[in-house]
Amino acid sequence: MIILNAASALLVDAGGRVLLQQRDDAPDLAFAGMWTFFGGAVEAGETHEQAVYREVAEELGWRDPKLVYWTTQVRPHVAAPDTHAVHNHIYVGRLTVSPNDLTLGEGQAMALFDAAAAGTMELAFWQHEPLRRFFREYVAGTLEIPE
């Protein structure tokens, strides 16, 4: 099985809401129009930690978030689910700037979602399950997010 690596960031505001992006509506894009975490593929020669910082900078124009590794989600690859798997290394951090001060470089929208909204969402790339788990841990106080 071929393993592909991705890195994603869950950015949490002071009210406990998570910032998500809506994917670009390019016709050839998998899951066009669906909501997803910020992030993307780990490039050759990069660690997943380097990749998540690069992706946040590219997608939001934010160069200095404080992120910590949370979990890795293993999911099938959308193009060939029987032969590929994607390891999505998920990081969490505080959203210490206003979304109005961020520049959405990829995607078509971004918005903040709370636990109630997240409980009903179906995110692209099967990310709804990690998002629900995130809120369970966050509400329970078992997840530390750097300030």
C-alpha atoms as a PDB file:
ATOM      1  CA  MET A   1       0.000   0.000   0.000  1.00  0.00           C
ATOM      2  CA  ILE A   2       1.277   3.452  -0.893  1.00  0.00           C
ATOM      3  CA  ILE A   3       1.138   5.909   2.006  1.00  0.00           C
ATOM      4  CA  LEU A   4       0.638   9.598   1.263  1.00  0.00           C
ATOM      5  CA  ASN A   5       1.149  12.203   3.996  1.00  0.00           C
ATOM      6  CA  ALA A   6      -0.834  15.358   4.639  1.00  0.00           C
ATOM      7  CA  ALA A   7      -0.781  17.914   7.456  1.00  0.00           C
ATOM      8  CA  SER A   8      -3.748  19.897   8.745  1.00  0.00           C
ATOM      9  CA  ALA A   9      -4.409  22.612  11.297  1.00  0.00           C
ATOM     10  CA  LEU A  10      -7.423  23.065  13.547  1.00  0.00           C
ATOM     11  CA  LEU A  11      -7.384  26.712  14.639  1.00  0.00           C
ATOM     12  CA  VAL A  12      -9.549  27.484  17.683  1.00  0.00           C
ATOM     13  CA  ASP A  13     -10.785  30.955  18.642  1.00  0.00           C
ATOM     14  CA  ALA A  14     -11.281  32.252  22.202  1.00  0.00           C
ATOM     15  CA  GLY A  15     -14.900  31.073  22.136  1.00  0.00           C
ATOM     16  CA  GLY A  16     -13.929  27.483  21.316  1.00  0.00           C
ATOM     17  CA  ARG A  17     -14.967  27.607  17.666  1.00  0.00           C
ATOM     18  CA  VAL A  18     -12.840  26.053  14.921  1.00  0.00           C
ATOM     19  CA  LEU A  19     -11.949  27.861  11.694  1.00  0.00           C
ATOM     20  CA  LEU A  20     -12.661  25.727   8.613  1.00  0.00           C
ATOM     21  CA  GLN A  21     -12.383  26.442   4.909  1.00  0.00           C
ATOM     22  CA  GLN A  22     -14.704  25.628   2.052  1.00  0.00           C
ATOM     23  CA  ARG A  23     -12.871  24.024  -0.830  1.00  0.00           C
ATOM     24  CA  ASP A  24     -12.455  25.768  -4.145  1.00  0.00           C
ATOM     25  CA  ASP A  25     -15.212  24.911  -6.577  1.00  0.00           C
ATOM     26  CA  ALA A  26     -12.878  23.931  -9.450  1.00  0.00           C
ATOM     27  CA  PRO A  27     -14.753  21.285 -11.464  1.00  0.00           C
ATOM     28  CA  ASP A  28     -11.964  18.701 -11.251  1.00  0.00           C
ATOM     29  CA  LEU A  29     -11.403  19.048  -7.508  1.00  0.00           C
ATOM     30  CA  ALA A  30     -12.447  16.179  -5.247  1.00  0.00           C
ATOM     31  CA  PHE A  31     -15.103  17.296  -2.729  1.00  0.00           C
ATOM     32  CA  ALA A  32     -15.580  20.699  -4.389  1.00  0.00           C
ATOM     33  CA  GLY A  33     -17.671  23.027  -2.237  1.00  0.00           C
ATOM     34  CA  MET A  34     -17.286  20.973   0.965  1.00  0.00           C
ATOM     35  CA  TRP A  35     -15.805  22.197   4.238  1.00  0.00           C
ATOM     36  CA  THR A  36     -12.402  20.957   5.370  1.00  0.00           C
ATOM     37  CA  PHE A  37      -9.427  21.600   7.637  1.00  0.00           C
ATOM     38  CA  PHE A  38      -6.670  23.964   6.505  1.00  0.00           C
ATOM     39  CA  GLY A  39      -3.714  21.992   5.211  1.00  0.00           C
ATOM     40  CA  GLY A  40      -2.456  19.861   2.386  1.00  0.00           C
ATOM     41  CA  ALA A  41       0.154  17.434   1.150  1.00  0.00           C
ATOM     42  CA  VAL A  42       3.544  17.020   2.793  1.00  0.00           C
ATOM     43  CA  GLU A  43       6.079  17.807   0.080  1.00  0.00           C
ATOM     44  CA  ALA A  44       9.277  15.842  -0.581  1.00  0.00           C
ATOM     45  CA  GLY A  45      11.941  16.625   2.008  1.00  0.00           C
ATOM     46  CA  GLU A  46       9.447  18.137   4.473  1.00  0.00           C
ATOM     47  CA  THR A  47       8.354  16.900   7.867  1.00  0.00           C
ATOM     48  CA  HIS A  48       4.630  17.077   8.575  1.00  0.00           C
ATOM     49  CA  GLU A  49       5.362  19.831  11.108  1.00  0.00           C
ATOM     50  CA  GLN A  50       7.079  21.916   8.422  1.00  0.00           C
ATOM     51  CA  ALA A  51       4.206  21.189   6.049  1.00  0.00           C
ATOM     52  CA  VAL A  52       1.470  22.369   8.405  1.00  0.00           C
ATOM     53  CA  TYR A  53       3.231  25.707   8.988  1.00  0.00           C
ATOM     54  CA  ARG A  54       3.804  26.146   5.241  1.00  0.00           C
ATOM     55  CA  GLU A  55       0.160  25.334   4.490  1.00  0.00           C
ATOM     56  CA  VAL A  56      -1.197  27.787   7.099  1.00  0.00           C
ATOM     57  CA  ALA A  57       1.057  30.498   5.658  1.00  0.00           C
ATOM     58  CA  GLU A  58      -0.037  29.725   2.079  1.00  0.00           C
ATOM     59  CA  GLU A  59      -3.744  29.383   2.821  1.00  0.00           C
ATOM     60  CA  LEU A  60      -4.192  32.145   5.405  1.00  0.00           C
ATOM     61  CA  GLY A  61      -1.152  34.392   5.139  1.00  0.00           C
ATOM     62  CA  TRP A  62      -0.476  33.663   8.838  1.00  0.00           C
ATOM     63  CA  ARG A  63       3.196  32.985   9.470  1.00  0.00           C
ATOM     64  CA  ASP A  64       3.504  32.570  13.246  1.00  0.00           C
ATOM     65  CA  PRO A  65       0.783  30.343  14.718  1.00  0.00           C
ATOM     66  CA  LYS A  66       1.662  28.189  17.708  1.00  0.00           C
ATOM     67  CA  LEU A  67       0.658  24.649  16.791  1.00  0.00           C
ATOM     68  CA  VAL A  68       1.017  21.310  18.554  1.00  0.00           C
ATOM     69  CA  TYR A  69       0.595  17.844  17.122  1.00  0.00           C
ATOM     70  CA  TRP A  70      -2.703  16.254  18.137  1.00  0.00           C
ATOM     71  CA  THR A  71      -3.367  13.067  16.150  1.00  0.00           C
ATOM     72  CA  THR A  72      -2.949  11.271  12.828  1.00  0.00           C
ATOM     73  CA  GLN A  73      -6.032  10.261  10.872  1.00  0.00           C
ATOM     74  CA  VAL A  74      -5.575   7.385   8.426  1.00  0.00           C
ATOM     75  CA  ARG A  75      -8.044   7.518   5.563  1.00  0.00           C
ATOM     76  CA  PRO A  76      -8.378   6.115   2.048  1.00  0.00           C
ATOM     77  CA  HIS A  77      -7.091   8.146  -0.883  1.00  0.00           C
ATOM     78  CA  VAL A  78     -10.016   9.479  -2.920  1.00  0.00           C
ATOM     79  CA  ALA A  79      -8.553   8.559  -6.291  1.00  0.00           C
ATOM     80  CA  ALA A  80      -7.639   4.958  -5.464  1.00  0.00           C
ATOM     81  CA  PRO A  81      -9.109   3.853  -2.135  1.00  0.00           C
ATOM     82  CA  ASP A  82      -7.983   0.245  -2.571  1.00  0.00           C
ATOM     83  CA  THR A  83      -4.305   1.045  -3.162  1.00  0.00           C
ATOM     84  CA  HIS A  84      -3.538   4.279  -1.303  1.00  0.00           C
ATOM     85  CA  ALA A  85      -3.902   5.587   2.215  1.00  0.00           C
ATOM     86  CA  VAL A  86      -3.401   9.115   3.466  1.00  0.00           C
ATOM     87  CA  HIS A  87      -1.957   9.826   6.892  1.00  0.00           C
ATOM     88  CA  ASN A  88      -3.348  13.233   7.871  1.00  0.00           C
ATOM     89  CA  HIS A  89      -1.187  14.615  10.697  1.00  0.00           C
ATOM     90  CA  ILE A  90      -3.467  17.049  12.549  1.00  0.00           C
ATOM     91  CA  TYR A  91      -2.168  19.967  14.610  1.00  0.00           C
ATOM     92  CA  VAL A  92      -4.134  22.314  16.877  1.00  0.00           C
ATOM     93  CA  GLY A  93      -3.534  25.919  17.853  1.00  0.00           C
ATOM     94  CA  ARG A  94      -5.186  29.103  19.097  1.00  0.00           C
ATOM     95  CA  LEU A  95      -6.576  31.509  16.553  1.00  0.00           C
ATOM     96  CA  THR A  96      -4.927  34.609  18.046  1.00  0.00           C
ATOM     97  CA  VAL A  97      -5.804  36.880  15.135  1.00  0.00           C
ATOM     98  CA  SER A  98      -9.189  37.845  13.768  1.00  0.00           C
ATOM     99  CA  PRO A  99     -10.343  35.914  10.701  1.00  0.00           C
ATOM    100  CA  ASN A 100     -10.867  39.368   9.173  1.00  0.00           C
ATOM    101  CA  ASP A 101      -7.085  39.858   9.349  1.00  0.00           C
ATOM    102  CA  LEU A 102      -6.365  36.638   7.458  1.00  0.00           C
ATOM    103  CA  THR A 103      -6.112  36.303   3.693  1.00  0.00           C
ATOM    104  CA  LEU A 104      -7.805  33.227   2.268  1.00  0.00           C
ATOM    105  CA  GLY A 105      -5.333  32.092  -0.375  1.00  0.00           C
ATOM    106  CA  GLU A 106      -7.065  28.865  -1.375  1.00  0.00           C
ATOM    107  CA  GLY A 107     -10.694  27.846  -1.161  1.00  0.00           C
ATOM    108  CA  GLN A 108     -13.825  29.892  -1.503  1.00  0.00           C
ATOM    109  CA  ALA A 109     -14.813  30.698   2.081  1.00  0.00           C
ATOM    110  CA  MET A 110     -13.827  30.310   5.714  1.00  0.00           C
ATOM    111  CA  ALA A 111     -15.995  30.321   8.823  1.00  0.00           C
ATOM    112  CA  LEU A 112     -15.962  29.479  12.531  1.00  0.00           C
ATOM    113  CA  PHE A 113     -17.913  26.429  13.719  1.00  0.00           C
ATOM    114  CA  ASP A 114     -18.819  25.376  17.254  1.00  0.00           C
ATOM    115  CA  ALA A 115     -19.338  21.876  18.623  1.00  0.00           C
ATOM    116  CA  ALA A 116     -23.073  21.867  17.854  1.00  0.00           C
ATOM    117  CA  ALA A 117     -22.539  22.730  14.189  1.00  0.00           C
ATOM    118  CA  ALA A 118     -19.585  20.357  13.908  1.00  0.00           C
ATOM    119  CA  GLY A 119     -21.729  17.496  15.188  1.00  0.00           C
ATOM    120  CA  THR A 120     -23.893  17.623  12.074  1.00  0.00           C
ATOM    121  CA  MET A 121     -21.288  18.449   9.416  1.00  0.00           C
ATOM    122  CA  GLU A 122     -19.947  16.035   6.829  1.00  0.00           C
ATOM    123  CA  LEU A 123     -16.491  17.329   5.967  1.00  0.00           C
ATOM    124  CA  ALA A 124     -14.399  16.471   2.945  1.00  0.00           C
ATOM    125  CA  PHE A 125     -11.806  13.710   3.303  1.00  0.00           C
ATOM    126  CA  TRP A 126     -13.736  12.039   6.137  1.00  0.00           C
ATOM    127  CA  GLN A 127     -12.551  14.801   8.472  1.00  0.00           C
ATOM    128  CA  HIS A 128     -15.915  14.999  10.276  1.00  0.00           C
ATOM    129  CA  GLU A 129     -14.937  12.175  12.656  1.00  0.00           C
ATOM    130  CA  PRO A 130     -11.677  13.813  13.821  1.00  0.00           C
ATOM    131  CA  LEU A 131     -13.531  17.131  14.164  1.00  0.00           C
ATOM    132  CA  ARG A 132     -16.186  15.538  16.392  1.00  0.00           C
ATOM    133  CA  ARG A 133     -13.461  13.815  18.424  1.00  0.00           C
ATOM    134  CA  PHE A 134     -11.637  17.145  18.728  1.00  0.00           C
ATOM    135  CA  PHE A 135     -14.708  18.810  20.240  1.00  0.00           C
ATOM    136  CA  ARG A 136     -15.308  15.901  22.640  1.00  0.00           C
ATOM    137  CA  GLU A 137     -11.741  16.206  23.924  1.00  0.00           C
ATOM    138  CA  TYR A 138     -11.788  20.010  23.934  1.00  0.00           C
ATOM    139  CA  VAL A 139     -15.051  20.212  25.910  1.00  0.00           C
ATOM    140  CA  ALA A 140     -13.819  17.531  28.317  1.00  0.00           C
ATOM    141  CA  GLY A 141     -10.679  19.584  28.921  1.00  0.00           C
ATOM    142  CA  THR A 142      -8.345  16.764  27.906  1.00  0.00           C
ATOM    143  CA  LEU A 143      -6.844  18.625  24.948  1.00  0.00           C
ATOM    144  CA  GLU A 144      -4.234  21.313  25.544  1.00  0.00           C
ATOM    145  CA  ILE A 145      -4.086  24.059  22.943  1.00  0.00           C
ATOM    146  CA  PRO A 146      -1.107  26.438  23.048  1.00  0.00           C
ATOM    147  CA  GLU A 147      -1.833  30.114  23.676  1.00  0.00           C
END
